[in-house]
Amino acid sequence: MSDAGNGSLPLPVFRPDERVCANCKLFSPHSIEVGKGWVGTCRLHSWRGMFPPSAPICDKYVPKGSAAPLTPSVTARERSARSVAPVVVRRRVDPQEEVDLEGLSMTREELMDIFREASGLGDAPPLANKWEGGTLRLVPGNPELQPKDMPIDSLFHKVVMVRDKLRVLEQKLNAHPKLTDAEKVEMQSYITRVYGSLTSFNVLFKEKADQFVGSKGDE
């Protein structure tokens, strides 16, 4: 339940010229958090969750008191004559055209690669020729126990899945709206170390571009 208007803590007041979310008509005060004060939500960017009114504005900023854009009037005759069939507009999309997702800049092709990897629909990288049809044998230290064989193709598939999930995690981390740059750098360093730990499996990949790349000390 919203605490707005209960008088327990006054809403912060900002100068009209201050470029903060509290001066935007899309910001909605919601409640008071212990140790933080007032927090609210954005009517347009609901995925941001709760944040303070002192947050910097985005490119959708609408000053308080400004009028909403008027829509052109339509006569009854125009409404009756208008087709209800969906209109499909096709345009040529350049795969190298850059898109901006809340500060994350990449080409359309790179963005589609992320979607394909996350959905498991991406083209699997090729296994090095010398390992095709090969078998990985796990031999116990106790000679009385039987070794276990595993097709190298199965191991390679699992390694590729780990690589693809790490790439998706890396992209989500870099685009996270609530993490500071310092926090992103710290978490990115952990991901880089994971890549470095997995470079032992690079021998399975046919193409060098598909391999894991860690820090210089981990390669």
N, C-alpha and C. Protein backbone atom coordinates (compact mmCIF):
# COMPACT_ATOMS: atom_id res chain seq x y z
N MET A 1 0.85 -1.21 0.00
CA MET A 1 0.00 0.00 0.00
C MET A 1 0.88 1.24 0.00
N SER A 2 0.49 2.24 -0.77
CA SER A 2 1.29 3.46 -0.86
C SER A 2 1.20 4.27 0.42
N ASP A 3 2.33 4.86 0.78
CA ASP A 3 2.37 5.74 1.95
C ASP A 3 2.22 7.20 1.57
N ALA A 4 2.01 7.47 0.27
CA ALA A 4 1.94 8.85 -0.18
C ALA A 4 0.83 9.58 0.53
N GLY A 5 1.14 10.74 1.09
CA GLY A 5 0.13 11.59 1.70
C GLY A 5 -0.12 11.31 3.16
N ASN A 6 0.63 10.38 3.79
CA ASN A 6 0.35 10.11 5.19
C ASN A 6 1.07 11.07 6.12
N GLY A 7 1.94 11.93 5.61
CA GLY A 7 2.57 12.96 6.42
C GLY A 7 3.72 12.48 7.28
N SER A 8 4.10 11.20 7.17
CA SER A 8 5.19 10.71 8.01
C SER A 8 6.54 11.27 7.57
N LEU A 9 6.65 11.62 6.32
CA LEU A 9 7.89 12.21 5.81
C LEU A 9 7.52 13.03 4.58
N PRO A 10 7.85 14.31 4.58
CA PRO A 10 7.43 15.15 3.43
C PRO A 10 8.16 14.73 2.16
N LEU A 11 7.47 14.88 1.04
CA LEU A 11 8.09 14.62 -0.25
C LEU A 11 9.23 15.60 -0.49
N PRO A 12 10.37 15.14 -1.02
CA PRO A 12 11.46 16.08 -1.32
C PRO A 12 11.05 17.06 -2.40
N VAL A 13 11.54 18.29 -2.27
CA VAL A 13 11.20 19.34 -3.22
C VAL A 13 12.46 19.73 -3.99
N PHE A 14 12.33 19.82 -5.30
CA PHE A 14 13.44 20.17 -6.16
C PHE A 14 13.09 21.44 -6.94
N ARG A 15 14.12 22.18 -7.31
CA ARG A 15 13.89 23.37 -8.12
C ARG A 15 13.31 22.94 -9.48
N PRO A 16 12.49 23.76 -10.09
CA PRO A 16 11.87 23.37 -11.37
C PRO A 16 12.90 23.09 -12.46
N ASP A 17 14.10 23.74 -12.34
CA ASP A 17 15.10 23.56 -13.39
C ASP A 17 15.98 22.33 -13.16
N GLU A 18 15.82 21.65 -12.01
CA GLU A 18 16.64 20.48 -11.73
C GLU A 18 16.16 19.31 -12.58
N ARG A 19 17.12 18.64 -13.23
CA ARG A 19 16.78 17.55 -14.15
C ARG A 19 16.78 16.22 -13.39
N VAL A 20 15.72 16.03 -12.61
CA VAL A 20 15.55 14.82 -11.81
C VAL A 20 14.17 14.24 -12.10
N CYS A 21 13.99 12.97 -11.73
CA CYS A 21 12.73 12.29 -12.03
C CYS A 21 11.54 12.91 -11.30
N ALA A 22 11.78 13.51 -10.12
CA ALA A 22 10.68 14.09 -9.37
C ALA A 22 10.01 15.25 -10.12
N ASN A 23 10.72 15.88 -11.05
CA ASN A 23 10.16 16.97 -11.84
C ASN A 23 9.51 16.47 -13.13
N CYS A 24 9.39 15.15 -13.25
CA CYS A 24 8.79 14.55 -14.45
C CYS A 24 7.37 14.09 -14.12
N LYS A 25 6.44 14.33 -15.01
CA LYS A 25 5.05 13.96 -14.75
C LYS A 25 4.85 12.45 -14.82
N LEU A 26 5.85 11.71 -15.31
CA LEU A 26 5.75 10.26 -15.37
C LEU A 26 6.16 9.59 -14.07
N PHE A 27 6.82 10.34 -13.16
CA PHE A 27 7.25 9.77 -11.88
C PHE A 27 6.09 9.78 -10.90
N SER A 28 5.89 8.64 -10.23
CA SER A 28 4.79 8.50 -9.28
C SER A 28 5.33 8.11 -7.91
N PRO A 29 5.29 9.01 -6.90
CA PRO A 29 5.74 8.65 -5.55
C PRO A 29 4.93 7.46 -5.02
N HIS A 30 5.62 6.53 -4.39
CA HIS A 30 4.93 5.32 -3.95
C HIS A 30 4.96 5.11 -2.44
N SER A 31 6.15 5.10 -1.83
CA SER A 31 6.23 4.77 -0.41
C SER A 31 7.56 5.25 0.15
N ILE A 32 7.73 5.07 1.45
CA ILE A 32 8.94 5.46 2.15
C ILE A 32 9.71 4.21 2.55
N GLU A 33 10.97 4.12 2.14
CA GLU A 33 11.82 3.01 2.51
C GLU A 33 12.75 3.44 3.64
N VAL A 34 12.94 2.54 4.61
CA VAL A 34 13.80 2.84 5.76
C VAL A 34 15.22 3.11 5.28
N GLY A 35 15.77 4.23 5.72
CA GLY A 35 17.13 4.59 5.35
C GLY A 35 17.27 5.23 3.99
N LYS A 36 16.21 5.23 3.18
CA LYS A 36 16.29 5.80 1.84
C LYS A 36 15.35 6.99 1.67
N GLY A 37 14.23 6.96 2.36
CA GLY A 37 13.24 8.01 2.16
C GLY A 37 12.28 7.62 1.07
N TRP A 38 11.73 8.64 0.38
CA TRP A 38 10.73 8.40 -0.64
C TRP A 38 11.30 7.66 -1.85
N VAL A 39 10.53 6.71 -2.34
CA VAL A 39 10.84 6.04 -3.61
C VAL A 39 9.55 6.00 -4.42
N GLY A 40 9.70 5.83 -5.71
CA GLY A 40 8.52 5.79 -6.56
C GLY A 40 8.81 5.00 -7.82
N THR A 41 7.85 5.02 -8.72
CA THR A 41 7.97 4.28 -9.97
C THR A 41 7.78 5.21 -11.15
N CYS A 42 8.19 4.74 -12.30
CA CYS A 42 7.99 5.48 -13.55
C CYS A 42 6.83 4.82 -14.29
N ARG A 43 5.86 5.63 -14.71
CA ARG A 43 4.69 5.08 -15.39
C ARG A 43 5.05 4.48 -16.75
N LEU A 44 6.17 4.93 -17.30
CA LEU A 44 6.58 4.44 -18.61
C LEU A 44 7.56 3.29 -18.50
N HIS A 45 8.56 3.44 -17.58
CA HIS A 45 9.59 2.40 -17.42
C HIS A 45 9.32 1.63 -16.13
N SER A 46 8.27 0.82 -16.13
CA SER A 46 7.92 0.08 -14.91
C SER A 46 8.98 -0.93 -14.53
N TRP A 47 9.81 -1.37 -15.51
CA TRP A 47 10.84 -2.37 -15.22
C TRP A 47 11.94 -1.82 -14.31
N ARG A 48 12.01 -0.50 -14.15
CA ARG A 48 13.05 0.06 -13.28
C ARG A 48 12.76 -0.20 -11.80
N GLY A 49 11.51 -0.54 -11.46
CA GLY A 49 11.16 -0.79 -10.07
C GLY A 49 11.11 0.51 -9.28
N MET A 50 11.43 0.41 -7.99
CA MET A 50 11.41 1.58 -7.11
C MET A 50 12.75 2.32 -7.15
N PHE A 51 12.70 3.64 -7.25
CA PHE A 51 13.92 4.43 -7.22
C PHE A 51 13.60 5.81 -6.65
N PRO A 52 14.60 6.53 -6.13
CA PRO A 52 14.35 7.81 -5.48
C PRO A 52 13.99 8.90 -6.49
N PRO A 53 13.29 9.93 -6.06
CA PRO A 53 12.92 11.02 -6.97
C PRO A 53 14.12 11.83 -7.44
N SER A 54 15.27 11.66 -6.77
CA SER A 54 16.47 12.40 -7.18
C SER A 54 17.20 11.74 -8.35
N ALA A 55 16.66 10.62 -8.87
CA ALA A 55 17.31 9.93 -9.98
C ALA A 55 17.37 10.83 -11.21
N PRO A 56 18.44 10.72 -12.01
CA PRO A 56 18.55 11.57 -13.22
C PRO A 56 17.52 11.18 -14.27
N ILE A 57 17.08 12.15 -15.03
CA ILE A 57 16.03 11.91 -16.01
C ILE A 57 16.55 11.09 -17.19
N CYS A 58 15.59 10.48 -17.91
CA CYS A 58 15.92 9.73 -19.12
C CYS A 58 15.44 10.53 -20.33
N ASP A 59 15.55 9.92 -21.52
CA ASP A 59 15.18 10.65 -22.74
C ASP A 59 13.66 10.75 -22.93
N LYS A 60 12.87 10.14 -22.01
CA LYS A 60 11.42 10.23 -22.09
C LYS A 60 10.86 11.28 -21.13
N TYR A 61 11.71 12.13 -20.61
CA TYR A 61 11.34 13.12 -19.60
C TYR A 61 10.23 14.04 -20.10
N VAL A 62 9.19 14.19 -19.26
CA VAL A 62 8.08 15.10 -19.57
C VAL A 62 7.92 16.02 -18.37
N PRO A 63 8.21 17.32 -18.50
CA PRO A 63 8.12 18.24 -17.35
C PRO A 63 6.72 18.28 -16.77
N LYS A 64 6.65 18.44 -15.46
CA LYS A 64 5.36 18.58 -14.80
C LYS A 64 4.64 19.83 -15.31
N GLY A 65 3.36 19.74 -15.49
CA GLY A 65 2.58 20.88 -15.95
C GLY A 65 2.54 21.03 -17.45
N SER A 66 3.34 20.23 -18.18
CA SER A 66 3.32 20.35 -19.64
C SER A 66 2.10 19.63 -20.19
N ALA A 67 1.61 20.11 -21.30
CA ALA A 67 0.42 19.53 -21.90
C ALA A 67 0.78 18.30 -22.72
N ALA A 68 -0.08 17.31 -22.69
CA ALA A 68 0.14 16.12 -23.51
C ALA A 68 -0.09 16.49 -24.97
N PRO A 69 0.64 15.87 -25.91
CA PRO A 69 0.45 16.19 -27.33
C PRO A 69 -0.95 15.86 -27.78
N LEU A 70 -1.55 16.78 -28.51
CA LEU A 70 -2.92 16.60 -28.97
C LEU A 70 -2.96 15.69 -30.18
N THR A 71 -3.94 14.83 -30.23
CA THR A 71 -4.12 13.97 -31.39
C THR A 71 -5.06 14.64 -32.36
N PRO A 72 -4.83 14.55 -33.66
CA PRO A 72 -5.69 15.21 -34.63
C PRO A 72 -7.10 14.64 -34.57
N SER A 73 -8.10 15.53 -34.70
CA SER A 73 -9.49 15.10 -34.65
C SER A 73 -9.84 14.31 -35.91
N VAL A 74 -10.74 13.34 -35.72
CA VAL A 74 -11.15 12.49 -36.83
C VAL A 74 -12.67 12.56 -36.93
N THR A 75 -13.19 12.86 -38.11
CA THR A 75 -14.63 12.95 -38.30
C THR A 75 -15.25 11.57 -38.33
N ALA A 76 -16.58 11.52 -38.09
CA ALA A 76 -17.29 10.24 -38.09
C ALA A 76 -17.18 9.56 -39.44
N ARG A 77 -17.20 10.37 -40.52
CA ARG A 77 -17.11 9.79 -41.86
C ARG A 77 -15.76 9.14 -42.08
N GLU A 78 -14.71 9.80 -41.58
CA GLU A 78 -13.37 9.22 -41.72
C GLU A 78 -13.25 7.93 -40.92
N ARG A 79 -13.87 7.90 -39.72
CA ARG A 79 -13.81 6.69 -38.91
C ARG A 79 -14.51 5.53 -39.60
N SER A 80 -15.67 5.81 -40.22
CA SER A 80 -16.42 4.73 -40.87
C SER A 80 -15.72 4.22 -42.11
N ALA A 81 -14.95 5.09 -42.77
CA ALA A 81 -14.29 4.68 -44.00
C ALA A 81 -12.93 4.03 -43.74
N ARG A 82 -12.46 4.14 -42.51
CA ARG A 82 -11.12 3.63 -42.22
C ARG A 82 -11.12 2.11 -42.20
N SER A 83 -10.14 1.51 -42.83
CA SER A 83 -10.02 0.06 -42.87
C SER A 83 -9.54 -0.46 -41.51
N VAL A 84 -10.12 -1.61 -41.12
CA VAL A 84 -9.70 -2.21 -39.84
C VAL A 84 -8.65 -3.29 -40.06
N ALA A 85 -8.29 -3.53 -41.30
CA ALA A 85 -7.28 -4.54 -41.58
C ALA A 85 -5.92 -4.07 -41.09
N PRO A 86 -5.10 -4.98 -40.56
CA PRO A 86 -3.76 -4.58 -40.10
C PRO A 86 -2.90 -4.14 -41.27
N VAL A 87 -2.12 -3.13 -41.03
CA VAL A 87 -1.21 -2.61 -42.05
C VAL A 87 0.20 -3.05 -41.70
N VAL A 88 0.82 -3.77 -42.61
CA VAL A 88 2.17 -4.27 -42.41
C VAL A 88 3.13 -3.43 -43.23
N VAL A 89 4.06 -2.80 -42.57
CA VAL A 89 5.05 -1.98 -43.24
C VAL A 89 6.40 -2.69 -43.14
N ARG A 90 6.94 -3.04 -44.24
CA ARG A 90 8.22 -3.74 -44.26
C ARG A 90 9.31 -2.76 -44.69
N ARG A 91 10.42 -2.83 -44.00
CA ARG A 91 11.55 -2.02 -44.42
C ARG A 91 12.80 -2.86 -44.37
N ARG A 92 13.73 -2.50 -45.18
CA ARG A 92 15.00 -3.23 -45.22
C ARG A 92 15.79 -2.89 -43.97
N VAL A 93 16.18 -3.93 -43.23
CA VAL A 93 16.91 -3.74 -41.98
C VAL A 93 18.38 -4.05 -42.20
N ASP A 94 19.20 -3.09 -41.87
CA ASP A 94 20.64 -3.27 -41.96
C ASP A 94 21.11 -4.01 -40.71
N PRO A 95 21.69 -5.23 -40.83
CA PRO A 95 22.13 -5.96 -39.64
C PRO A 95 23.22 -5.25 -38.86
N GLN A 96 23.90 -4.30 -39.52
CA GLN A 96 24.96 -3.57 -38.84
C GLN A 96 24.47 -2.26 -38.24
N GLU A 97 23.14 -1.98 -38.38
CA GLU A 97 22.57 -0.77 -37.78
C GLU A 97 22.64 -0.87 -36.27
N GLU A 98 23.10 0.20 -35.61
CA GLU A 98 23.27 0.17 -34.16
C GLU A 98 21.94 0.45 -33.47
N VAL A 99 21.70 -0.29 -32.37
CA VAL A 99 20.54 -0.06 -31.52
C VAL A 99 21.06 0.29 -30.13
N ASP A 100 20.27 1.07 -29.41
CA ASP A 100 20.67 1.51 -28.07
C ASP A 100 19.64 1.02 -27.07
N LEU A 101 20.05 0.12 -26.19
CA LEU A 101 19.18 -0.42 -25.16
C LEU A 101 19.62 0.12 -23.81
N GLU A 102 19.06 1.26 -23.43
CA GLU A 102 19.37 1.88 -22.14
C GLU A 102 20.89 1.95 -21.91
N GLY A 103 21.59 2.50 -22.88
CA GLY A 103 23.03 2.71 -22.72
C GLY A 103 23.87 1.59 -23.27
N LEU A 104 23.28 0.44 -23.66
CA LEU A 104 24.04 -0.66 -24.23
C LEU A 104 23.99 -0.55 -25.74
N SER A 105 25.11 -0.27 -26.36
CA SER A 105 25.15 -0.05 -27.80
C SER A 105 25.68 -1.30 -28.49
N MET A 106 24.95 -1.78 -29.49
CA MET A 106 25.38 -2.93 -30.25
C MET A 106 24.65 -2.90 -31.59
N THR A 107 25.12 -3.72 -32.55
CA THR A 107 24.46 -3.80 -33.84
C THR A 107 23.26 -4.75 -33.72
N ARG A 108 22.34 -4.63 -34.70
CA ARG A 108 21.18 -5.52 -34.71
C ARG A 108 21.61 -6.99 -34.79
N GLU A 109 22.64 -7.26 -35.55
CA GLU A 109 23.09 -8.65 -35.69
C GLU A 109 23.62 -9.18 -34.37
N GLU A 110 24.35 -8.35 -33.62
CA GLU A 110 24.85 -8.77 -32.31
C GLU A 110 23.69 -9.01 -31.34
N LEU A 111 22.67 -8.16 -31.43
CA LEU A 111 21.50 -8.34 -30.56
C LEU A 111 20.78 -9.64 -30.90
N MET A 112 20.63 -9.95 -32.18
CA MET A 112 19.97 -11.18 -32.58
C MET A 112 20.79 -12.40 -32.16
N ASP A 113 22.12 -12.26 -32.16
CA ASP A 113 22.97 -13.37 -31.70
C ASP A 113 22.68 -13.69 -30.24
N ILE A 114 22.45 -12.64 -29.43
CA ILE A 114 22.13 -12.85 -28.01
C ILE A 114 20.81 -13.59 -27.88
N PHE A 115 19.79 -13.16 -28.65
CA PHE A 115 18.50 -13.83 -28.61
C PHE A 115 18.61 -15.29 -29.03
N ARG A 116 19.39 -15.53 -30.09
CA ARG A 116 19.54 -16.91 -30.56
C ARG A 116 20.25 -17.78 -29.53
N GLU A 117 21.28 -17.22 -28.89
CA GLU A 117 22.00 -17.98 -27.88
C GLU A 117 21.13 -18.27 -26.67
N ALA A 118 20.33 -17.25 -26.25
CA ALA A 118 19.49 -17.44 -25.07
C ALA A 118 18.39 -18.46 -25.32
N SER A 119 17.89 -18.54 -26.55
CA SER A 119 16.80 -19.46 -26.87
C SER A 119 17.31 -20.82 -27.31
N GLY A 120 18.62 -20.95 -27.48
CA GLY A 120 19.18 -22.22 -27.92
C GLY A 120 19.01 -22.47 -29.40
N LEU A 121 18.64 -21.41 -30.17
CA LEU A 121 18.42 -21.57 -31.60
C LEU A 121 19.63 -21.18 -32.44
N GLY A 122 20.68 -20.77 -31.79
CA GLY A 122 21.86 -20.35 -32.53
C GLY A 122 22.57 -21.52 -33.17
N ASP A 123 23.31 -21.25 -34.22
CA ASP A 123 24.09 -22.30 -34.88
C ASP A 123 25.21 -22.75 -33.95
N ALA A 124 25.29 -24.07 -33.74
CA ALA A 124 26.32 -24.61 -32.85
C ALA A 124 27.68 -24.46 -33.52
N PRO A 125 28.70 -24.04 -32.78
CA PRO A 125 30.04 -23.93 -33.37
C PRO A 125 30.57 -25.32 -33.71
N PRO A 126 31.41 -25.43 -34.73
CA PRO A 126 31.90 -26.76 -35.14
C PRO A 126 32.95 -27.30 -34.18
N LEU A 127 32.90 -28.60 -34.00
CA LEU A 127 33.90 -29.31 -33.20
C LEU A 127 35.14 -29.53 -34.06
N ALA A 128 36.32 -29.42 -33.46
CA ALA A 128 37.56 -29.66 -34.20
C ALA A 128 37.52 -31.05 -34.84
N ASN A 129 38.01 -31.14 -36.07
CA ASN A 129 37.89 -32.38 -36.85
C ASN A 129 38.47 -33.60 -36.14
N LYS A 130 39.58 -33.39 -35.44
CA LYS A 130 40.25 -34.55 -34.84
C LYS A 130 39.46 -35.19 -33.70
N TRP A 131 38.45 -34.43 -33.16
CA TRP A 131 37.67 -34.97 -32.06
C TRP A 131 36.36 -35.59 -32.51
N GLU A 132 36.00 -35.46 -33.78
CA GLU A 132 34.71 -35.97 -34.25
C GLU A 132 34.65 -37.48 -34.08
N GLY A 133 33.58 -37.94 -33.40
CA GLY A 133 33.42 -39.36 -33.15
C GLY A 133 34.28 -39.88 -32.02
N GLY A 134 35.01 -38.98 -31.35
CA GLY A 134 35.91 -39.39 -30.29
C GLY A 134 35.19 -39.69 -28.98
N THR A 135 35.94 -40.26 -28.04
CA THR A 135 35.39 -40.64 -26.74
C THR A 135 36.29 -40.13 -25.63
N LEU A 136 35.67 -39.57 -24.60
CA LEU A 136 36.39 -39.15 -23.40
C LEU A 136 36.27 -40.26 -22.37
N ARG A 137 37.39 -40.74 -21.83
CA ARG A 137 37.38 -41.82 -20.85
C ARG A 137 37.81 -41.29 -19.49
N LEU A 138 36.98 -41.53 -18.47
CA LEU A 138 37.28 -41.17 -17.10
C LEU A 138 37.72 -42.43 -16.37
N VAL A 139 38.99 -42.45 -15.97
CA VAL A 139 39.56 -43.65 -15.35
C VAL A 139 39.71 -43.41 -13.86
N PRO A 140 39.05 -44.23 -12.99
CA PRO A 140 39.19 -44.06 -11.54
C PRO A 140 40.59 -44.40 -11.06
N GLY A 141 40.95 -43.82 -9.91
CA GLY A 141 42.25 -44.15 -9.33
C GLY A 141 42.32 -45.58 -8.86
N ASN A 142 41.19 -46.16 -8.51
CA ASN A 142 41.14 -47.55 -8.08
C ASN A 142 41.04 -48.44 -9.31
N PRO A 143 42.05 -49.27 -9.59
CA PRO A 143 42.04 -50.09 -10.82
C PRO A 143 40.93 -51.13 -10.83
N GLU A 144 40.29 -51.41 -9.69
CA GLU A 144 39.22 -52.38 -9.65
C GLU A 144 37.90 -51.80 -10.16
N LEU A 145 37.82 -50.48 -10.25
CA LEU A 145 36.60 -49.84 -10.72
C LEU A 145 36.65 -49.66 -12.23
N GLN A 146 35.47 -49.72 -12.84
CA GLN A 146 35.37 -49.59 -14.29
C GLN A 146 35.49 -48.12 -14.72
N PRO A 147 36.20 -47.84 -15.80
CA PRO A 147 36.24 -46.47 -16.33
C PRO A 147 34.89 -46.12 -16.97
N LYS A 148 34.67 -44.83 -17.15
CA LYS A 148 33.42 -44.36 -17.77
C LYS A 148 33.76 -43.63 -19.05
N ASP A 149 33.07 -43.98 -20.10
CA ASP A 149 33.28 -43.34 -21.40
C ASP A 149 32.17 -42.35 -21.68
N MET A 150 32.54 -41.23 -22.30
CA MET A 150 31.57 -40.20 -22.68
C MET A 150 31.92 -39.70 -24.08
N PRO A 151 30.94 -39.63 -24.98
CA PRO A 151 31.23 -39.08 -26.32
C PRO A 151 31.72 -37.64 -26.20
N ILE A 152 32.76 -37.32 -26.93
CA ILE A 152 33.29 -35.96 -26.89
C ILE A 152 32.25 -34.96 -27.40
N ASP A 153 31.39 -35.40 -28.31
CA ASP A 153 30.33 -34.52 -28.80
C ASP A 153 29.43 -34.05 -27.66
N SER A 154 29.12 -34.95 -26.71
CA SER A 154 28.25 -34.58 -25.58
C SER A 154 28.95 -33.57 -24.69
N LEU A 155 30.22 -33.80 -24.41
CA LEU A 155 30.98 -32.85 -23.59
C LEU A 155 31.06 -31.50 -24.28
N PHE A 156 31.30 -31.50 -25.59
CA PHE A 156 31.42 -30.25 -26.33
C PHE A 156 30.11 -29.47 -26.30
N HIS A 157 28.98 -30.18 -26.41
CA HIS A 157 27.68 -29.52 -26.37
C HIS A 157 27.48 -28.81 -25.03
N LYS A 158 27.85 -29.46 -23.93
CA LYS A 158 27.70 -28.85 -22.60
C LYS A 158 28.62 -27.64 -22.45
N VAL A 159 29.83 -27.73 -22.97
CA VAL A 159 30.76 -26.61 -22.89
C VAL A 159 30.22 -25.41 -23.67
N VAL A 160 29.65 -25.67 -24.85
CA VAL A 160 29.08 -24.58 -25.66
C VAL A 160 27.90 -23.93 -24.95
N MET A 161 27.07 -24.74 -24.27
CA MET A 161 25.94 -24.18 -23.54
C MET A 161 26.43 -23.26 -22.42
N VAL A 162 27.48 -23.67 -21.70
CA VAL A 162 28.04 -22.82 -20.65
C VAL A 162 28.56 -21.52 -21.24
N ARG A 163 29.27 -21.61 -22.37
CA ARG A 163 29.80 -20.41 -23.02
C ARG A 163 28.70 -19.45 -23.42
N ASP A 164 27.61 -19.98 -24.02
CA ASP A 164 26.52 -19.12 -24.49
C ASP A 164 25.80 -18.45 -23.32
N LYS A 165 25.57 -19.19 -22.23
CA LYS A 165 24.91 -18.59 -21.06
C LYS A 165 25.78 -17.51 -20.43
N LEU A 166 27.09 -17.70 -20.43
CA LEU A 166 27.98 -16.68 -19.90
C LEU A 166 27.92 -15.41 -20.74
N ARG A 167 27.83 -15.56 -22.05
CA ARG A 167 27.75 -14.39 -22.92
C ARG A 167 26.47 -13.61 -22.69
N VAL A 168 25.35 -14.34 -22.51
CA VAL A 168 24.09 -13.67 -22.23
C VAL A 168 24.15 -12.96 -20.88
N LEU A 169 24.74 -13.63 -19.88
CA LEU A 169 24.90 -13.02 -18.56
C LEU A 169 25.74 -11.75 -18.64
N GLU A 170 26.78 -11.80 -19.45
CA GLU A 170 27.67 -10.65 -19.61
C GLU A 170 26.92 -9.46 -20.21
N GLN A 171 26.09 -9.72 -21.23
CA GLN A 171 25.34 -8.65 -21.87
C GLN A 171 24.30 -8.06 -20.91
N LYS A 172 23.61 -8.92 -20.15
CA LYS A 172 22.62 -8.43 -19.19
C LYS A 172 23.29 -7.61 -18.09
N LEU A 173 24.46 -8.04 -17.67
CA LEU A 173 25.19 -7.31 -16.64
C LEU A 173 25.56 -5.91 -17.12
N ASN A 174 26.08 -5.81 -18.33
CA ASN A 174 26.51 -4.52 -18.86
C ASN A 174 25.33 -3.57 -19.08
N ALA A 175 24.13 -4.12 -19.30
CA ALA A 175 22.96 -3.28 -19.55
C ALA A 175 22.11 -3.06 -18.31
N HIS A 176 22.54 -3.58 -17.15
CA HIS A 176 21.71 -3.48 -15.95
C HIS A 176 21.58 -2.03 -15.51
N PRO A 177 20.34 -1.54 -15.33
CA PRO A 177 20.16 -0.11 -15.04
C PRO A 177 20.46 0.27 -13.59
N LYS A 178 20.51 -0.68 -12.67
CA LYS A 178 20.66 -0.35 -11.27
C LYS A 178 22.08 -0.56 -10.73
N LEU A 179 22.96 -1.13 -11.52
CA LEU A 179 24.33 -1.35 -11.08
C LEU A 179 25.20 -0.15 -11.44
N THR A 180 26.09 0.20 -10.54
CA THR A 180 27.04 1.28 -10.83
C THR A 180 28.14 0.74 -11.74
N ASP A 181 28.91 1.67 -12.33
CA ASP A 181 30.01 1.25 -13.20
C ASP A 181 31.02 0.42 -12.43
N ALA A 182 31.27 0.80 -11.17
CA ALA A 182 32.24 0.05 -10.36
C ALA A 182 31.75 -1.37 -10.11
N GLU A 183 30.46 -1.53 -9.84
CA GLU A 183 29.90 -2.86 -9.61
C GLU A 183 29.94 -3.70 -10.89
N LYS A 184 29.68 -3.07 -12.03
CA LYS A 184 29.74 -3.80 -13.30
C LYS A 184 31.16 -4.27 -13.58
N VAL A 185 32.15 -3.41 -13.32
CA VAL A 185 33.54 -3.79 -13.55
C VAL A 185 33.93 -4.95 -12.64
N GLU A 186 33.51 -4.89 -11.38
CA GLU A 186 33.84 -5.96 -10.43
C GLU A 186 33.24 -7.29 -10.88
N MET A 187 31.96 -7.29 -11.26
CA MET A 187 31.31 -8.53 -11.68
C MET A 187 31.87 -9.01 -13.01
N GLN A 188 32.23 -8.06 -13.89
CA GLN A 188 32.82 -8.44 -15.16
C GLN A 188 34.14 -9.17 -14.95
N SER A 189 34.89 -8.76 -13.92
CA SER A 189 36.17 -9.42 -13.65
C SER A 189 35.96 -10.88 -13.26
N TYR A 190 34.87 -11.17 -12.54
CA TYR A 190 34.58 -12.56 -12.18
C TYR A 190 34.24 -13.38 -13.43
N ILE A 191 33.47 -12.79 -14.33
CA ILE A 191 33.12 -13.49 -15.57
C ILE A 191 34.37 -13.76 -16.39
N THR A 192 35.29 -12.78 -16.43
CA THR A 192 36.54 -12.96 -17.17
C THR A 192 37.35 -14.10 -16.58
N ARG A 193 37.35 -14.22 -15.25
CA ARG A 193 38.07 -15.32 -14.61
C ARG A 193 37.44 -16.66 -14.95
N VAL A 194 36.11 -16.68 -15.05
CA VAL A 194 35.43 -17.92 -15.44
C VAL A 194 35.83 -18.30 -16.86
N TYR A 195 35.84 -17.30 -17.74
CA TYR A 195 36.31 -17.57 -19.11
C TYR A 195 37.72 -18.14 -19.08
N GLY A 196 38.57 -17.55 -18.25
CA GLY A 196 39.96 -18.03 -18.17
C GLY A 196 40.04 -19.46 -17.68
N SER A 197 39.16 -19.84 -16.74
CA SER A 197 39.16 -21.21 -16.22
C SER A 197 38.71 -22.21 -17.28
N LEU A 198 37.93 -21.73 -18.25
CA LEU A 198 37.38 -22.63 -19.27
C LEU A 198 38.22 -22.68 -20.54
N THR A 199 39.33 -21.94 -20.57
CA THR A 199 40.17 -21.95 -21.78
C THR A 199 40.78 -23.32 -22.05
N SER A 200 40.77 -24.21 -21.04
CA SER A 200 41.29 -25.57 -21.26
C SER A 200 40.47 -26.31 -22.31
N PHE A 201 39.21 -25.90 -22.48
CA PHE A 201 38.34 -26.57 -23.46
C PHE A 201 38.48 -25.98 -24.86
N ASN A 202 39.33 -24.97 -25.04
CA ASN A 202 39.48 -24.35 -26.35
C ASN A 202 39.96 -25.33 -27.41
N VAL A 203 40.63 -26.40 -26.96
CA VAL A 203 41.15 -27.38 -27.90
C VAL A 203 40.03 -28.11 -28.64
N LEU A 204 38.81 -28.05 -28.08
CA LEU A 204 37.68 -28.73 -28.73
C LEU A 204 37.10 -27.94 -29.89
N PHE A 205 37.29 -26.61 -29.89
CA PHE A 205 36.68 -25.75 -30.90
C PHE A 205 37.50 -25.76 -32.20
N LYS A 206 36.79 -25.82 -33.30
CA LYS A 206 37.47 -25.79 -34.60
C LYS A 206 37.91 -24.38 -34.95
N GLU A 207 37.01 -23.39 -34.68
CA GLU A 207 37.30 -22.00 -35.02
C GLU A 207 37.78 -21.25 -33.77
N LYS A 208 38.86 -20.48 -33.95
CA LYS A 208 39.41 -19.72 -32.83
C LYS A 208 38.43 -18.68 -32.30
N ALA A 209 37.60 -18.13 -33.20
CA ALA A 209 36.65 -17.09 -32.78
C ALA A 209 35.60 -17.61 -31.82
N ASP A 210 35.39 -18.95 -31.78
CA ASP A 210 34.39 -19.54 -30.89
C ASP A 210 34.95 -19.87 -29.52
N GLN A 211 36.24 -19.71 -29.32
CA GLN A 211 36.88 -20.16 -28.10
C GLN A 211 36.67 -19.19 -26.94
N PHE A 212 36.96 -19.67 -25.72
CA PHE A 212 36.92 -18.82 -24.54
C PHE A 212 38.14 -17.90 -24.52
N VAL A 213 37.93 -16.68 -24.06
CA VAL A 213 39.03 -15.71 -23.91
C VAL A 213 38.96 -15.14 -22.52
N GLY A 214 39.98 -15.42 -21.71
CA GLY A 214 40.05 -14.86 -20.36
C GLY A 214 41.05 -13.73 -20.32
N SER A 215 41.48 -13.35 -19.12
CA SER A 215 42.54 -12.35 -19.02
C SER A 215 43.85 -12.97 -19.50
N LYS A 216 44.83 -12.13 -19.78
CA LYS A 216 46.08 -12.61 -20.35
C LYS A 216 46.75 -13.66 -19.47
N GLY A 217 46.59 -13.50 -18.15
CA GLY A 217 47.21 -14.45 -17.24
C GLY A 217 46.50 -15.78 -17.18
N ASP A 218 45.22 -15.84 -17.70
CA ASP A 218 44.44 -17.07 -17.61
C ASP A 218 44.50 -17.86 -18.89
N GLU A 219 44.93 -17.26 -19.97
CA GLU A 219 44.90 -17.95 -21.25
C GLU A 219 45.99 -19.02 -21.32
